[in-house]
Protein backbone atom coordinates (compact mmCIF):
# COMPACT_ATOMS: atom_id res chain seq x y z
CA UNK A 1 80.64 14.05 21.68
CA UNK A 2 82.46 10.80 20.83
CA UNK A 3 82.51 9.90 24.54
CA UNK A 4 78.65 10.56 24.66
CA UNK A 5 78.01 8.23 21.63
CA UNK A 6 80.26 5.45 23.04
CA UNK A 7 78.31 5.67 26.38
CA UNK A 8 74.97 5.51 24.60
CA UNK A 9 76.12 2.50 22.44
CA UNK A 10 77.29 0.75 25.59
CA UNK A 11 74.01 1.37 27.31
CA UNK A 12 72.06 0.24 24.31
CA UNK A 13 74.16 -2.99 24.09
CA UNK A 14 73.70 -3.73 27.76
CA UNK A 15 69.87 -3.25 27.37
CA UNK A 16 69.65 -5.41 24.42
CA UNK A 17 71.68 -8.27 26.20
CA UNK A 18 69.43 -8.12 29.18
CA UNK A 19 66.23 -8.40 27.14
CA UNK A 20 67.51 -11.29 25.16
CA UNK A 21 68.61 -13.12 28.31
CA UNK A 22 64.85 -13.34 29.49
CA UNK A 23 63.13 -16.63 28.54
CA UNK A 24 60.65 -16.57 25.72
CA UNK A 25 58.10 -18.74 27.67
CA UNK A 26 57.53 -20.02 31.20
CA UNK A 27 58.20 -23.65 31.87
CA UNK A 28 55.45 -26.20 31.53
CA UNK A 29 53.24 -26.97 34.52
CA UNK A 30 53.66 -30.39 36.26
CA UNK A 31 50.70 -32.73 36.33
CA UNK A 32 50.07 -31.99 39.88
CA UNK A 33 50.28 -28.25 39.50
CA UNK A 34 47.75 -28.56 36.53
CA UNK A 35 45.32 -30.69 38.49
CA UNK A 36 45.47 -28.18 41.45
CA UNK A 37 44.72 -25.25 39.10
CA UNK A 38 41.93 -27.20 37.46
CA UNK A 39 40.32 -28.04 40.85
CA UNK A 40 40.67 -24.23 41.97
CA UNK A 41 38.91 -23.10 38.67
CA UNK A 42 36.13 -25.73 39.06
CA UNK A 43 35.49 -24.61 42.74
CA UNK A 44 35.53 -20.86 41.65
CA UNK A 45 33.24 -21.68 38.86
CA UNK A 46 30.62 -23.42 41.23
CA UNK A 47 30.87 -20.35 43.67
CA UNK A 48 30.21 -17.99 40.91
CA UNK A 49 27.09 -19.99 39.59
CA UNK A 50 25.75 -20.13 43.25
CA UNK A 51 26.29 -16.35 43.67
CA UNK A 52 24.47 -15.72 40.30
CA UNK A 53 21.51 -17.83 41.54
CA UNK A 54 21.35 -16.02 44.91
CA UNK A 55 21.53 -12.69 43.08
CA UNK A 56 18.69 -13.57 40.79
CA UNK A 57 16.58 -14.72 43.66
CA UNK A 58 16.88 -11.52 45.67
CA UNK A 59 14.28 -8.73 45.80
CA UNK A 60 16.96 -6.06 45.39
CA UNK A 61 17.64 -4.90 41.77
CA UNK A 62 19.97 -2.19 42.41
CA UNK A 63 21.70 0.05 45.01
CA UNK A 64 22.89 3.52 44.18
CA UNK A 65 24.84 5.86 46.49
CA UNK A 66 23.00 9.22 46.59
CA UNK A 67 25.33 11.20 48.83
CA UNK A 68 28.32 10.16 50.86
CA UNK A 69 29.46 12.08 54.02
CA UNK A 70 33.16 11.23 54.40
CA UNK A 71 34.59 10.50 57.91
CA UNK A 72 34.75 13.54 60.10
CA UNK A 73 37.28 13.31 62.90
CA UNK A 74 35.41 16.23 64.77
CA UNK A 75 32.22 14.12 64.86
CA UNK A 76 33.93 10.73 64.61
CA UNK A 77 31.46 9.32 62.15
CA UNK A 78 30.67 8.93 58.46
CA UNK A 79 27.30 8.17 56.62
CA UNK A 80 26.00 7.15 53.36
CA UNK A 81 22.71 7.94 51.76
CA UNK A 82 21.59 5.08 49.53
CA UNK A 83 18.69 4.44 47.13
CA UNK A 84 17.59 0.75 47.03
CA UNK A 85 15.54 -0.33 43.93
CA UNK A 86 13.52 -3.43 44.29
CA UNK A 87 12.47 -5.86 41.64
CA UNK A 88 8.92 -4.38 41.64
CA UNK A 89 10.57 -1.00 40.62
CA UNK A 90 9.68 0.82 43.90
CA UNK A 91 12.45 2.21 45.67
CA UNK A 92 13.42 3.32 49.16
CA UNK A 93 16.30 5.43 50.80
CA UNK A 94 18.34 4.40 53.59
CA UNK A 95 20.89 6.19 55.67
CA UNK A 96 23.85 4.02 56.76
CA UNK A 97 25.93 5.43 59.58
CA UNK A 98 29.23 4.32 61.18
CA UNK A 99 30.76 6.01 64.16
CA UNK A 100 31.59 5.96 67.89
CA UNK A 101 28.77 7.05 70.37
């Protein structure tokens, strides 16, 4: 029992030392790295704004998967039945099929 306690205490001390050896914070960014990140963020924000404008201008309001036929190796195809709702609230159903001839 004393051996088990000594092993447990040794493991606890090793874990405590490992945790305390990790830095509390990451090093600060260089000016070039910060400028690069700001440029990437600005480009992503512009792309998101453009995508939102395109989505608002589209006639499609929603797409819902009604049924999915998973890939069948015997038939070598898969298909999805989807309901497409337009802005005018009318909807249509489409069957999308992928497979070999």
